[in-house]
Amino acid sequence: MKKLFSLFISVLMLGFSAFAQEDKGLFNHLSVGATVGLDGLGIEVSAPITRYVQLRAGYSLFVPTKVTSIYNFGSFTVSSTRKLDMTRVPISATPLEGGQGKLIADIYPWPSLPFHFAAGLFIGSGKMFDLSMDAREILTPDEYGHLAFSHNGVFISSDMDGFVKMDVMTNPVMPYVGIGFGHAVNTRHLVSVTFDMGVLVTSVKTQSYNYLRNNAGEPVIITSHVVDDRDRGLLDFLNKLPVLPMIKLNVFFNIF
């Protein structure tokens, strides 16, 4: 993590150094582009700061916004007369809810060549995934928001609509470092294509609302142990993920 932050600062310093050396190209051209990548579909605008630095700003939204899968969590006894059949539970996930704004500096050590470094910020809601477990077929309507059962030290209940809610959280502001090829602003061509790859520096935790809580009634971080490893370690992997990969393909149109 420290090495990634050091790289982020170094690339920013390179950009500021180039800016200090030459400022004649400040915002004298503009390109507008469409993007597709691991952050979804988006739009970006780009303008030069100097011969060595181009600045991009944009917004992306993940499409489709919801994916649903069926999971088998088994059956549980909550009283001598009541069992919960959780063998076919729908769980829906909305990736990167609310979309991501971004501000990125592309730094060209050799302006005539397409290779560049990239550094900037992604700004969003802080939700990597918005998770929702549909318990309406498991519980009766009079149990919504009231019936709770304990499993592996966690008390689980639904809201008043019959859903159990969880989030995979990241930092709302995530530094980005990467490399790329192509010029977003290319005055010699009407259309230009660029490619970026890098990482978003973040910390991730899978947290619950009050529908999953510990003995003290506090929301808990969801781990693979809570679901008896039926997630095949996915929750534990997410909770330890220090960075998120980012790959993007961009098509820019030269405006002036």
Protein backbone atom coordinates (compact mmCIF):
# COMPACT_ATOMS: atom_id res chain seq x y z
CA MET A 1 0.00 0.00 0.00
CA LYS A 2 2.80 2.46 0.89
CA LYS A 3 4.53 1.74 -2.44
CA LEU A 4 1.32 2.49 -4.34
CA PHE A 5 0.84 5.80 -2.52
CA SER A 6 4.49 6.66 -3.23
CA LEU A 7 3.95 5.93 -6.91
CA PHE A 8 0.81 8.09 -6.89
CA ILE A 9 2.69 11.04 -5.37
CA SER A 10 5.66 10.58 -7.73
CA VAL A 11 3.47 10.66 -10.83
CA LEU A 12 1.63 13.76 -9.58
CA MET A 13 4.96 15.49 -8.92
CA LEU A 14 6.06 14.65 -12.46
CA GLY A 15 2.89 16.29 -13.78
CA PHE A 16 3.35 19.43 -11.67
CA SER A 17 6.98 19.66 -12.78
CA ALA A 18 5.94 19.53 -16.43
CA PHE A 19 3.29 22.17 -15.76
CA ALA A 20 5.85 24.46 -14.20
CA GLN A 21 8.17 24.09 -17.20
CA GLU A 22 5.61 24.86 -19.90
CA ASP A 23 2.10 26.28 -19.74
CA LYS A 24 1.54 27.48 -23.34
CA GLY A 25 -0.82 24.59 -24.17
CA LEU A 26 -3.26 25.30 -21.33
CA PHE A 27 -6.77 24.23 -22.41
CA ASN A 28 -6.25 25.25 -26.06
CA HIS A 29 -7.91 22.03 -27.34
CA LEU A 30 -10.84 19.87 -26.23
CA SER A 31 -11.88 16.28 -26.89
CA VAL A 32 -15.02 14.42 -25.79
CA GLY A 33 -15.03 10.65 -25.44
CA ALA A 34 -17.03 7.53 -24.65
CA THR A 35 -15.47 4.92 -22.33
CA VAL A 36 -16.04 1.28 -21.44
CA GLY A 37 -14.22 -0.54 -18.66
CA LEU A 38 -14.42 -2.21 -15.28
CA ASP A 39 -16.08 0.96 -13.97
CA GLY A 40 -18.88 0.60 -16.55
CA LEU A 41 -19.90 2.87 -19.41
CA GLY A 42 -18.99 6.53 -19.24
CA ILE A 43 -18.17 9.85 -20.83
CA GLU A 44 -15.03 11.96 -20.49
CA VAL A 45 -13.74 15.33 -21.62
CA SER A 46 -10.04 15.98 -22.07
CA ALA A 47 -7.90 19.08 -22.51
CA PRO A 48 -4.14 19.70 -22.55
CA ILE A 49 -2.37 21.37 -19.66
CA THR A 50 1.06 21.34 -21.33
CA ARG A 51 2.69 19.30 -24.10
CA TYR A 52 3.42 16.73 -21.40
CA VAL A 53 0.12 16.61 -19.49
CA GLN A 54 -3.49 16.10 -20.57
CA LEU A 55 -6.31 16.35 -18.05
CA ARG A 56 -9.41 14.14 -18.19
CA ALA A 57 -12.66 14.51 -16.25
CA GLY A 58 -15.71 12.27 -16.55
CA TYR A 59 -18.38 10.04 -15.12
CA SER A 60 -19.12 6.31 -15.48
CA LEU A 61 -22.02 4.08 -14.50
CA PHE A 62 -22.04 0.29 -14.29
CA VAL A 63 -24.60 -1.32 -16.61
CA PRO A 64 -26.53 -3.54 -15.95
CA THR A 65 -27.21 -2.09 -12.52
CA LYS A 66 -28.35 -5.33 -10.86
CA VAL A 67 -27.30 -8.98 -11.06
CA THR A 68 -29.19 -11.77 -9.21
CA SER A 69 -27.94 -15.27 -8.33
CA ILE A 70 -29.43 -18.14 -6.30
CA TYR A 71 -27.48 -19.41 -3.27
CA ASN A 72 -27.90 -22.45 -1.02
CA PHE A 73 -27.43 -21.59 2.66
CA GLY A 74 -29.18 -24.74 3.96
CA SER A 75 -32.00 -25.01 6.50
CA PHE A 76 -32.03 -23.58 10.03
CA THR A 77 -34.16 -24.23 13.10
CA VAL A 78 -35.22 -21.07 14.93
CA SER A 79 -37.61 -22.76 17.36
CA SER A 80 -38.99 -26.20 18.07
CA THR A 81 -41.78 -25.57 15.57
CA ARG A 82 -40.17 -23.26 12.99
CA LYS A 83 -37.55 -24.02 10.37
CA LEU A 84 -36.21 -21.72 7.69
CA ASP A 85 -35.57 -23.25 4.26
CA MET A 86 -32.68 -21.25 2.80
CA THR A 87 -31.69 -23.67 0.05
CA ARG A 88 -32.69 -21.29 -2.77
CA VAL A 89 -32.04 -17.70 -1.72
CA PRO A 90 -31.93 -14.91 -4.36
CA ILE A 91 -29.12 -12.42 -3.73
CA SER A 92 -28.95 -9.29 -5.90
CA ALA A 93 -25.85 -7.11 -6.33
CA THR A 94 -25.62 -3.60 -7.77
CA PRO A 95 -21.96 -2.83 -8.65
CA LEU A 96 -20.54 0.63 -7.94
CA GLU A 97 -23.91 2.08 -7.02
CA GLY A 98 -24.36 5.68 -8.08
CA GLY A 99 -21.50 5.63 -10.57
CA GLN A 100 -18.02 7.13 -10.37
CA GLY A 101 -16.76 10.62 -11.10
CA LYS A 102 -13.11 10.87 -12.09
CA LEU A 103 -10.32 13.37 -12.56
CA ILE A 104 -7.17 11.96 -14.19
CA ALA A 105 -3.91 13.49 -15.41
CA ASP A 106 -2.24 11.70 -18.33
CA ILE A 107 1.51 12.40 -18.23
CA TYR A 108 3.55 11.88 -21.42
CA PRO A 109 7.32 11.65 -20.79
CA TRP A 110 7.74 11.76 -24.59
CA PRO A 111 4.82 13.80 -25.99
CA SER A 112 5.16 12.45 -29.53
CA LEU A 113 4.73 8.86 -28.30
CA PRO A 114 1.38 7.36 -27.14
CA PHE A 115 2.70 5.85 -23.89
CA HIS A 116 1.75 7.75 -20.74
CA PHE A 117 1.46 7.51 -16.98
CA ALA A 118 -1.89 8.27 -15.36
CA ALA A 119 -2.73 9.52 -11.88
CA GLY A 120 -5.91 10.90 -10.40
CA LEU A 121 -8.98 10.31 -8.28
CA PHE A 122 -12.20 8.30 -8.61
CA ILE A 123 -15.08 9.69 -6.53
CA GLY A 124 -18.27 7.74 -5.80
CA SER A 125 -20.77 6.57 -3.22
CA GLY A 126 -18.26 4.29 -1.47
CA LYS A 127 -20.24 1.17 -2.39
CA MET A 128 -18.39 -1.47 -4.39
CA PHE A 129 -21.51 -3.67 -4.28
CA ASP A 130 -24.98 -2.99 -2.87
CA LEU A 131 -26.16 -6.47 -1.80
CA SER A 132 -29.73 -7.53 -1.04
CA MET A 133 -30.96 -10.99 0.05
CA ASP A 134 -34.63 -11.65 -0.77
CA ALA A 135 -36.18 -13.42 2.26
CA ARG A 136 -39.82 -12.97 1.22
CA GLU A 137 -40.15 -16.66 0.29
CA ILE A 138 -38.42 -17.73 3.51
CA LEU A 139 -40.38 -15.66 6.03
CA THR A 140 -44.07 -15.00 6.42
CA PRO A 141 -45.18 -11.34 6.13
CA ASP A 142 -45.82 -11.06 9.87
CA GLU A 143 -42.18 -12.10 10.48
CA TYR A 144 -40.67 -9.30 8.37
CA GLY A 145 -38.50 -7.13 10.60
CA HIS A 146 -39.28 -9.23 13.69
CA LEU A 147 -38.02 -12.82 13.41
CA ALA A 148 -34.25 -13.19 13.92
CA PHE A 149 -32.09 -16.29 14.20
CA SER A 150 -28.49 -16.74 15.22
CA HIS A 151 -25.82 -18.42 13.08
CA ASN A 152 -22.08 -18.48 13.83
CA GLY A 153 -22.50 -15.69 16.38
CA VAL A 154 -24.49 -13.39 14.08
CA PHE A 155 -28.17 -12.57 14.47
CA ILE A 156 -29.93 -12.31 11.11
CA SER A 157 -33.26 -10.61 10.45
CA SER A 158 -34.98 -8.82 7.57
CA ASP A 159 -36.36 -5.31 7.11
CA MET A 160 -40.10 -4.63 7.04
CA ASP A 161 -40.17 -5.53 3.30
CA GLY A 162 -38.58 -8.96 3.78
CA PHE A 163 -35.03 -8.16 2.61
CA VAL A 164 -31.64 -8.58 4.32
CA LYS A 165 -29.21 -5.85 3.22
CA MET A 166 -25.43 -5.75 3.08
CA ASP A 167 -22.80 -3.56 1.41
CA VAL A 168 -19.28 -4.13 0.13
CA MET A 169 -17.79 -0.74 1.02
CA THR A 170 -14.77 1.12 -0.33
CA ASN A 171 -13.42 4.60 0.26
CA PRO A 172 -15.61 7.23 -1.48
CA VAL A 173 -12.46 8.89 -2.85
CA MET A 174 -9.99 6.42 -4.38
CA PRO A 175 -6.55 7.41 -5.74
CA TYR A 176 -5.80 5.94 -9.16
CA VAL A 177 -2.40 5.14 -10.70
CA GLY A 178 -1.78 3.42 -13.99
CA ILE A 179 -0.31 3.48 -17.47
CA GLY A 180 -1.92 3.95 -20.85
CA PHE A 181 -1.50 4.27 -24.60
CA GLY A 182 -2.88 6.94 -26.90
CA HIS A 183 -3.65 10.65 -26.78
CA ALA A 184 -7.11 11.70 -25.61
CA VAL A 185 -6.44 15.06 -27.28
CA ASN A 186 -5.04 14.40 -30.76
CA THR A 187 -5.34 17.40 -33.10
CA ARG A 188 -4.03 15.43 -36.09
CA HIS A 189 -7.04 13.08 -36.13
CA LEU A 190 -10.78 13.57 -35.65
CA VAL A 191 -11.07 10.28 -33.71
CA SER A 192 -8.50 8.80 -31.33
CA VAL A 193 -8.52 5.60 -29.27
CA THR A 194 -6.81 5.25 -25.89
CA PHE A 195 -6.32 2.35 -23.48
CA ASP A 196 -5.75 2.59 -19.72
CA MET A 197 -4.86 0.02 -17.09
CA GLY A 198 -4.08 0.53 -13.43
CA VAL A 199 -5.39 0.20 -9.89
CA LEU A 200 -7.67 2.09 -7.53
CA VAL A 201 -6.07 2.30 -4.08
CA THR A 202 -8.73 1.49 -1.51
CA SER A 203 -9.75 -0.58 1.50
CA VAL A 204 -12.75 -2.88 1.31
CA LYS A 205 -15.05 -4.31 3.96
CA THR A 206 -18.32 -6.19 3.67
CA GLN A 207 -20.61 -4.63 6.25
CA SER A 208 -24.20 -5.23 7.22
CA TYR A 209 -27.08 -3.02 8.15
CA ASN A 210 -28.84 -3.70 11.45
CA TYR A 211 -30.40 -6.82 9.90
CA LEU A 212 -27.15 -8.68 10.65
CA ARG A 213 -25.74 -7.90 14.08
CA ASN A 214 -23.71 -9.32 16.95
CA ASN A 215 -24.79 -10.03 20.53
CA ALA A 216 -24.41 -6.34 21.39
CA GLY A 217 -26.80 -5.39 18.59
CA GLU A 218 -24.07 -3.79 16.46
CA PRO A 219 -23.70 -4.29 12.67
CA VAL A 220 -20.95 -6.75 11.81
CA ILE A 221 -18.42 -7.25 9.04
CA ILE A 222 -19.58 -10.26 7.02
CA THR A 223 -16.98 -13.02 6.62
CA SER A 224 -16.96 -16.42 4.97
CA HIS A 225 -17.27 -17.98 8.44
CA VAL A 226 -20.70 -16.39 8.88
CA VAL A 227 -22.03 -18.25 5.82
CA ASP A 228 -20.12 -21.50 6.56
CA ASP A 229 -17.74 -20.84 3.62
CA ARG A 230 -20.56 -21.43 1.13
CA ASP A 231 -19.25 -18.34 -0.68
CA ARG A 232 -15.97 -20.26 -1.30
CA GLY A 233 -13.95 -17.58 0.44
CA LEU A 234 -15.22 -14.68 -1.68
CA LEU A 235 -16.18 -12.51 1.32
CA ASP A 236 -12.80 -13.00 2.99
CA PHE A 237 -11.07 -12.15 -0.31
CA LEU A 238 -13.07 -8.93 -0.66
CA ASN A 239 -12.40 -7.92 2.95
CA LYS A 240 -8.63 -8.19 2.35
CA LEU A 241 -8.57 -6.54 -1.09
CA PRO A 242 -6.12 -3.57 -0.94
CA VAL A 243 -6.66 -2.36 -4.51
CA LEU A 244 -9.21 -2.65 -7.28
CA PRO A 245 -8.00 -3.26 -10.86
CA MET A 246 -9.09 -0.87 -13.59
CA ILE A 247 -9.03 -1.43 -17.35
CA LYS A 248 -10.61 1.06 -19.76
CA LEU A 249 -10.98 1.53 -23.52
CA ASN A 250 -11.77 5.09 -24.62
CA VAL A 251 -12.79 6.63 -27.96
CA PHE A 252 -12.32 10.41 -28.17
CA PHE A 253 -13.59 12.91 -30.73
CA ASN A 254 -11.61 16.08 -31.32
CA ILE A 255 -13.87 19.14 -30.84
CA PHE A 256 -11.31 21.92 -31.42
